[in-house]
Amino acid sequence: MDLSELEEKRRLRREEAAARLHALADALARNNAVAFERDGRRVTVRVPDEVDLSIEVEVESDGGELEIELSW
């Protein structure tokens, strides 16, 4: 089994992060595949019609985290 992994972490303005999430949601709604590009590398992920959605929220006094995961 081949494993392809592409990870990106960077600081964005809240509005920029929302725009990225909107683009991803739009791509998921329109297609059965989503493409990601980073440093000249392209990974295409085929997404089935049904997925498992997990949302996790952590709030602490010095910050928080919102994690959204799709799996199949």
PDB file of N, CA and C in Angstrom:
ATOM      1  N   MET A   1       0.840  -1.179   0.000  1.00  0.00           N
ATOM      2  CA  MET A   1       0.000   0.000   0.000  1.00  0.00           C
ATOM      3  C   MET A   1       0.883   1.239   0.000  1.00  0.00           C
ATOM      4  N   ASP A   2       0.641   2.136  -0.928  1.00  0.00           N
ATOM      5  CA  ASP A   2       1.390   3.386  -1.014  1.00  0.00           C
ATOM      6  C   ASP A   2       0.752   4.423  -0.102  1.00  0.00           C
ATOM      7  N   LEU A   3       1.587   5.246   0.497  1.00  0.00           N
ATOM      8  CA  LEU A   3       1.100   6.315   1.367  1.00  0.00           C
ATOM      9  C   LEU A   3       1.581   7.638   0.803  1.00  0.00           C
ATOM     10  N   SER A   4       0.648   8.537   0.582  1.00  0.00           N
ATOM     11  CA  SER A   4       0.983   9.903   0.179  1.00  0.00           C
ATOM     12  C   SER A   4       0.504  10.820   1.286  1.00  0.00           C
ATOM     13  N   GLU A   5       1.368  11.700   1.698  1.00  0.00           N
ATOM     14  CA  GLU A   5       1.004  12.617   2.774  1.00  0.00           C
ATOM     15  C   GLU A   5       1.497  14.009   2.424  1.00  0.00           C
ATOM     16  N   LEU A   6       0.656  14.966   2.668  1.00  0.00           N
ATOM     17  CA  LEU A   6       0.980  16.361   2.407  1.00  0.00           C
ATOM     18  C   LEU A   6       0.471  17.156   3.592  1.00  0.00           C
ATOM     19  N   GLU A   7       1.363  17.840   4.270  1.00  0.00           N
ATOM     20  CA  GLU A   7       0.971  18.592   5.458  1.00  0.00           C
ATOM     21  C   GLU A   7       1.358  20.050   5.291  1.00  0.00           C
ATOM     22  N   GLU A   8       0.477  20.916   5.738  1.00  0.00           N
ATOM     23  CA  GLU A   8       0.738  22.352   5.663  1.00  0.00           C
ATOM     24  C   GLU A   8       0.261  22.991   6.961  1.00  0.00           C
ATOM     25  N   LYS A   9       1.139  23.729   7.573  1.00  0.00           N
ATOM     26  CA  LYS A   9       0.774  24.491   8.761  1.00  0.00           C
ATOM     27  C   LYS A   9       1.311  25.898   8.579  1.00  0.00           C
ATOM     28  N   ARG A  10       0.424  26.865   8.733  1.00  0.00           N
ATOM     29  CA  ARG A  10       0.865  28.261   8.682  1.00  0.00           C
ATOM     30  C   ARG A  10      -0.182  29.146   9.328  1.00  0.00           C
ATOM     31  N   ARG A  11       0.241  30.324   9.699  1.00  0.00           N
ATOM     32  CA  ARG A  11      -0.656  31.283  10.341  1.00  0.00           C
ATOM     33  C   ARG A  11      -1.353  32.108   9.265  1.00  0.00           C
ATOM     34  N   LEU A  12      -2.686  32.187   9.371  1.00  0.00           N
ATOM     35  CA  LEU A  12      -3.505  32.963   8.443  1.00  0.00           C
ATOM     36  C   LEU A  12      -4.446  33.857   9.242  1.00  0.00           C
ATOM     37  N   ARG A  13      -4.949  34.865   8.591  1.00  0.00           N
ATOM     38  CA  ARG A  13      -6.033  35.633   9.202  1.00  0.00           C
ATOM     39  C   ARG A  13      -7.268  34.738   9.229  1.00  0.00           C
ATOM     40  N   ARG A  14      -8.143  34.968  10.173  1.00  0.00           N
ATOM     41  CA  ARG A  14      -9.354  34.156  10.318  1.00  0.00           C
ATOM     42  C   ARG A  14     -10.137  34.097   9.003  1.00  0.00           C
ATOM     43  N   GLU A  15     -10.247  35.234   8.321  1.00  0.00           N
ATOM     44  CA  GLU A  15     -10.983  35.291   7.065  1.00  0.00           C
ATOM     45  C   GLU A  15     -10.318  34.454   5.974  1.00  0.00           C
ATOM     46  N   GLU A  16      -8.978  34.454   5.968  1.00  0.00           N
ATOM     47  CA  GLU A  16      -8.245  33.649   4.993  1.00  0.00           C
ATOM     48  C   GLU A  16      -8.461  32.153   5.258  1.00  0.00           C
ATOM     49  N   ALA A  17      -8.441  31.774   6.514  1.00  0.00           N
ATOM     50  CA  ALA A  17      -8.687  30.372   6.872  1.00  0.00           C
ATOM     51  C   ALA A  17     -10.097  29.967   6.454  1.00  0.00           C
ATOM     52  N   ALA A  18     -11.065  30.847   6.679  1.00  0.00           N
ATOM     53  CA  ALA A  18     -12.446  30.564   6.284  1.00  0.00           C
ATOM     54  C   ALA A  18     -12.550  30.400   4.769  1.00  0.00           C
ATOM     55  N   ALA A  19     -11.845  31.223   4.013  1.00  0.00           N
ATOM     56  CA  ALA A  19     -11.866  31.121   2.553  1.00  0.00           C
ATOM     57  C   ALA A  19     -11.284  29.785   2.096  1.00  0.00           C
ATOM     58  N   ARG A  20     -10.210  29.335   2.746  1.00  0.00           N
ATOM     59  CA  ARG A  20      -9.622  28.027   2.408  1.00  0.00           C
ATOM     60  C   ARG A  20     -10.603  26.908   2.702  1.00  0.00           C
ATOM     61  N   LEU A  21     -11.286  26.992   3.844  1.00  0.00           N
ATOM     62  CA  LEU A  21     -12.276  25.967   4.199  1.00  0.00           C
ATOM     63  C   LEU A  21     -13.462  25.987   3.231  1.00  0.00           C
ATOM     64  N   HIS A  22     -13.904  27.193   2.827  1.00  0.00           N
ATOM     65  CA  HIS A  22     -14.986  27.307   1.839  1.00  0.00           C
ATOM     66  C   HIS A  22     -14.589  26.640   0.521  1.00  0.00           C
ATOM     67  N   ALA A  23     -13.371  26.896   0.064  1.00  0.00           N
ATOM     68  CA  ALA A  23     -12.901  26.321  -1.200  1.00  0.00           C
ATOM     69  C   ALA A  23     -12.863  24.799  -1.109  1.00  0.00           C
ATOM     70  N   LEU A  24     -12.400  24.278   0.007  1.00  0.00           N
ATOM     71  CA  LEU A  24     -12.364  22.829   0.200  1.00  0.00           C
ATOM     72  C   LEU A  24     -13.779  22.253   0.226  1.00  0.00           C
ATOM     73  N   ALA A  25     -14.682  22.903   0.947  1.00  0.00           N
ATOM     74  CA  ALA A  25     -16.071  22.442   1.020  1.00  0.00           C
ATOM     75  C   ALA A  25     -16.725  22.479  -0.360  1.00  0.00           C
ATOM     76  N   ASP A  26     -16.476  23.528  -1.129  1.00  0.00           N
ATOM     77  CA  ASP A  26     -17.039  23.625  -2.477  1.00  0.00           C
ATOM     78  C   ASP A  26     -16.509  22.499  -3.373  1.00  0.00           C
ATOM     79  N   ALA A  27     -15.212  22.216  -3.277  1.00  0.00           N
ATOM     80  CA  ALA A  27     -14.615  21.145  -4.077  1.00  0.00           C
ATOM     81  C   ALA A  27     -15.207  19.791  -3.691  1.00  0.00           C
ATOM     82  N   LEU A  28     -15.400  19.551  -2.405  1.00  0.00           N
ATOM     83  CA  LEU A  28     -16.002  18.296  -1.955  1.00  0.00           C
ATOM     84  C   LEU A  28     -17.437  18.160  -2.445  1.00  0.00           C
ATOM     85  N   ALA A  29     -18.175  19.245  -2.465  1.00  0.00           N
ATOM     86  CA  ALA A  29     -19.570  19.208  -2.891  1.00  0.00           C
ATOM     87  C   ALA A  29     -19.695  18.965  -4.398  1.00  0.00           C
ATOM     88  N   ARG A  30     -18.737  19.456  -5.191  1.00  0.00           N
ATOM     89  CA  ARG A  30     -18.811  19.366  -6.649  1.00  0.00           C
ATOM     90  C   ARG A  30     -18.211  18.086  -7.217  1.00  0.00           C
ATOM     91  N   ASN A  31     -17.181  17.553  -6.566  1.00  0.00           N
ATOM     92  CA  ASN A  31     -16.376  16.482  -7.157  1.00  0.00           C
ATOM     93  C   ASN A  31     -16.240  15.288  -6.212  1.00  0.00           C
ATOM     94  N   ASN A  32     -15.755  14.187  -6.779  1.00  0.00           N
ATOM     95  CA  ASN A  32     -15.427  13.050  -5.926  1.00  0.00           C
ATOM     96  C   ASN A  32     -13.922  12.986  -5.690  1.00  0.00           C
ATOM     97  N   ALA A  33     -13.230  14.067  -6.031  1.00  0.00           N
ATOM     98  CA  ALA A  33     -11.789  14.147  -5.786  1.00  0.00           C
ATOM     99  C   ALA A  33     -11.424  15.588  -5.456  1.00  0.00           C
ATOM    100  N   VAL A  34     -10.412  15.730  -4.618  1.00  0.00           N
ATOM    101  CA  VAL A  34      -9.912  17.047  -4.236  1.00  0.00           C
ATOM    102  C   VAL A  34      -8.404  17.034  -4.434  1.00  0.00           C
ATOM    103  N   ALA A  35      -7.861  18.076  -5.037  1.00  0.00           N
ATOM    104  CA  ALA A  35      -6.422  18.146  -5.295  1.00  0.00           C
ATOM    105  C   ALA A  35      -5.777  19.173  -4.375  1.00  0.00           C
ATOM    106  N   PHE A  36      -4.598  18.824  -3.874  1.00  0.00           N
ATOM    107  CA  PHE A  36      -3.807  19.715  -3.029  1.00  0.00           C
ATOM    108  C   PHE A  36      -2.439  19.865  -3.675  1.00  0.00           C
ATOM    109  N   GLU A  37      -1.906  21.095  -3.650  1.00  0.00           N
ATOM    110  CA  GLU A  37      -0.584  21.349  -4.212  1.00  0.00           C
ATOM    111  C   GLU A  37       0.280  22.041  -3.174  1.00  0.00           C
ATOM    112  N   ARG A  38       1.542  21.630  -3.125  1.00  0.00           N
ATOM    113  CA  ARG A  38       2.491  22.239  -2.197  1.00  0.00           C
ATOM    114  C   ARG A  38       3.891  22.018  -2.745  1.00  0.00           C
ATOM    115  N   ASP A  39       4.647  23.089  -2.927  1.00  0.00           N
ATOM    116  CA  ASP A  39       6.038  23.017  -3.396  1.00  0.00           C
ATOM    117  C   ASP A  39       6.180  22.185  -4.667  1.00  0.00           C
ATOM    118  N   GLY A  40       5.280  22.391  -5.622  1.00  0.00           N
ATOM    119  CA  GLY A  40       5.349  21.681  -6.881  1.00  0.00           C
ATOM    120  C   GLY A  40       4.852  20.250  -6.835  1.00  0.00           C
ATOM    121  N   ARG A  41       4.389  19.812  -5.699  1.00  0.00           N
ATOM    122  CA  ARG A  41       3.880  18.443  -5.543  1.00  0.00           C
ATOM    123  C   ARG A  41       2.357  18.491  -5.498  1.00  0.00           C
ATOM    124  N   ARG A  42       1.725  17.590  -6.219  1.00  0.00           N
ATOM    125  CA  ARG A  42       0.265  17.565  -6.276  1.00  0.00           C
ATOM    126  C   ARG A  42      -0.228  16.211  -5.780  1.00  0.00           C
ATOM    127  N   VAL A  43      -1.165  16.244  -4.852  1.00  0.00           N
ATOM    128  CA  VAL A  43      -1.789  15.032  -4.324  1.00  0.00           C
ATOM    129  C   VAL A  43      -3.282  15.143  -4.576  1.00  0.00           C
ATOM    130  N   THR A  44      -3.845  14.148  -5.251  1.00  0.00           N
ATOM    131  CA  THR A  44      -5.282  14.108  -5.504  1.00  0.00           C
ATOM    132  C   THR A  44      -5.894  13.043  -4.616  1.00  0.00           C
ATOM    133  N   VAL A  45      -6.914  13.441  -3.878  1.00  0.00           N
ATOM    134  CA  VAL A  45      -7.579  12.544  -2.941  1.00  0.00           C
ATOM    135  C   VAL A  45      -8.975  12.242  -3.476  1.00  0.00           C
ATOM    136  N   ARG A  46      -9.247  10.998  -3.714  1.00  0.00           N
ATOM    137  CA  ARG A  46     -10.583  10.575  -4.143  1.00  0.00           C
ATOM    138  C   ARG A  46     -11.434  10.376  -2.897  1.00  0.00           C
ATOM    139  N   VAL A  47     -12.562  11.053  -2.851  1.00  0.00           N
ATOM    140  CA  VAL A  47     -13.434  11.034  -1.673  1.00  0.00           C
ATOM    141  C   VAL A  47     -14.740  10.333  -2.051  1.00  0.00           C
ATOM    142  N   PRO A  48     -15.112   9.287  -1.290  1.00  0.00           N
ATOM    143  CA  PRO A  48     -16.356   8.573  -1.613  1.00  0.00           C
ATOM    144  C   PRO A  48     -17.586   9.415  -1.283  1.00  0.00           C
ATOM    145  N   ASP A  49     -18.745   8.922  -1.693  1.00  0.00           N
ATOM    146  CA  ASP A  49     -20.000   9.639  -1.462  1.00  0.00           C
ATOM    147  C   ASP A  49     -20.346   9.765   0.018  1.00  0.00           C
ATOM    148  N   GLU A  50     -19.886   8.832   0.846  1.00  0.00           N
ATOM    149  CA  GLU A  50     -20.147   8.892   2.288  1.00  0.00           C
ATOM    150  C   GLU A  50     -18.831   8.891   3.048  1.00  0.00           C
ATOM    151  N   VAL A  51     -18.732   9.768   4.031  1.00  0.00           N
ATOM    152  CA  VAL A  51     -17.523   9.892   4.848  1.00  0.00           C
ATOM    153  C   VAL A  51     -17.925   9.970   6.325  1.00  0.00           C
ATOM    154  N   ASP A  52     -16.961   9.731   7.191  1.00  0.00           N
ATOM    155  CA  ASP A  52     -17.150   9.937   8.625  1.00  0.00           C
ATOM    156  C   ASP A  52     -16.585  11.315   8.961  1.00  0.00           C
ATOM    157  N   LEU A  53     -17.357  12.116   9.654  1.00  0.00           N
ATOM    158  CA  LEU A  53     -16.962  13.469  10.033  1.00  0.00           C
ATOM    159  C   LEU A  53     -16.751  13.518  11.532  1.00  0.00           C
ATOM    160  N   SER A  54     -15.591  14.024  11.943  1.00  0.00           N
ATOM    161  CA  SER A  54     -15.280  14.182  13.362  1.00  0.00           C
ATOM    162  C   SER A  54     -14.894  15.639  13.598  1.00  0.00           C
ATOM    163  N   ILE A  55     -15.501  16.249  14.598  1.00  0.00           N
ATOM    164  CA  ILE A  55     -15.169  17.633  14.968  1.00  0.00           C
ATOM    165  C   ILE A  55     -14.787  17.639  16.436  1.00  0.00           C
ATOM    166  N   GLU A  56     -13.627  18.202  16.723  1.00  0.00           N
ATOM    167  CA  GLU A  56     -13.125  18.250  18.097  1.00  0.00           C
ATOM    168  C   GLU A  56     -12.761  19.693  18.443  1.00  0.00           C
ATOM    169  N   VAL A  57     -13.205  20.139  19.591  1.00  0.00           N
ATOM    170  CA  VAL A  57     -12.910  21.496  20.051  1.00  0.00           C
ATOM    171  C   VAL A  57     -12.224  21.411  21.406  1.00  0.00           C
ATOM    172  N   GLU A  58     -11.101  22.104  21.539  1.00  0.00           N
ATOM    173  CA  GLU A  58     -10.397  22.205  22.808  1.00  0.00           C
ATOM    174  C   GLU A  58     -10.213  23.680  23.130  1.00  0.00           C
ATOM    175  N   VAL A  59     -10.600  24.086  24.315  1.00  0.00           N
ATOM    176  CA  VAL A  59     -10.448  25.474  24.732  1.00  0.00           C
ATOM    177  C   VAL A  59      -9.685  25.493  26.046  1.00  0.00           C
ATOM    178  N   GLU A  60      -8.596  26.240  26.068  1.00  0.00           N
ATOM    179  CA  GLU A  60      -7.792  26.419  27.272  1.00  0.00           C
ATOM    180  C   GLU A  60      -7.664  27.911  27.545  1.00  0.00           C
ATOM    181  N   SER A  61      -7.121  28.254  28.686  1.00  0.00           N
ATOM    182  CA  SER A  61      -7.014  29.664  29.043  1.00  0.00           C
ATOM    183  C   SER A  61      -6.083  30.433  28.106  1.00  0.00           C
ATOM    184  N   ASP A  62      -5.105  29.759  27.493  1.00  0.00           N
ATOM    185  CA  ASP A  62      -4.148  30.450  26.638  1.00  0.00           C
ATOM    186  C   ASP A  62      -4.359  30.180  25.145  1.00  0.00           C
ATOM    187  N   GLY A  63      -5.464  29.553  24.762  1.00  0.00           N
ATOM    188  CA  GLY A  63      -5.722  29.317  23.348  1.00  0.00           C
ATOM    189  C   GLY A  63      -6.702  28.183  23.144  1.00  0.00           C
ATOM    190  N   GLY A  64      -6.881  27.809  21.908  1.00  0.00           N
ATOM    191  CA  GLY A  64      -7.826  26.745  21.609  1.00  0.00           C
ATOM    192  C   GLY A  64      -7.473  26.051  20.317  1.00  0.00           C
ATOM    193  N   GLU A  65      -8.263  25.031  20.012  1.00  0.00           N
ATOM    194  CA  GLU A  65      -8.036  24.257  18.802  1.00  0.00           C
ATOM    195  C   GLU A  65      -9.372  23.730  18.296  1.00  0.00           C
ATOM    196  N   LEU A  66      -9.556  23.811  16.992  1.00  0.00           N
ATOM    197  CA  LEU A  66     -10.715  23.242  16.319  1.00  0.00           C
ATOM    198  C   LEU A  66     -10.174  22.275  15.279  1.00  0.00           C
ATOM    199  N   GLU A  67     -10.485  21.013  15.441  1.00  0.00           N
ATOM    200  CA  GLU A  67      -9.979  19.995  14.533  1.00  0.00           C
ATOM    201  C   GLU A  67     -11.146  19.368  13.782  1.00  0.00           C
ATOM    202  N   ILE A  68     -11.052  19.364  12.454  1.00  0.00           N
ATOM    203  CA  ILE A  68     -12.088  18.794  11.598  1.00  0.00           C
ATOM    204  C   ILE A  68     -11.440  17.671  10.802  1.00  0.00           C
ATOM    205  N   GLU A  69     -12.036  16.492  10.879  1.00  0.00           N
ATOM    206  CA  GLU A  69     -11.444  15.328  10.219  1.00  0.00           C
ATOM    207  C   GLU A  69     -12.495  14.591   9.407  1.00  0.00           C
ATOM    208  N   LEU A  70     -12.153  14.274   8.162  1.00  0.00           N
ATOM    209  CA  LEU A  70     -12.978  13.417   7.323  1.00  0.00           C
ATOM    210  C   LEU A  70     -12.205  12.113   7.138  1.00  0.00           C
ATOM    211  N   SER A  71     -12.879  10.996   7.298  1.00  0.00           N
ATOM    212  CA  SER A  71     -12.226   9.705   7.064  1.00  0.00           C
ATOM    213  C   SER A  71     -13.204   8.790   6.350  1.00  0.00           C
ATOM    214  N   TRP A  72     -12.660   7.756   5.727  1.00  0.00           N
ATOM    215  CA  TRP A  72     -13.474   6.778   5.025  1.00  0.00           C
ATOM    216  C   TRP A  72     -12.733   5.485   4.926  1.00  0.00           C
TER     217      TRP A  72
END
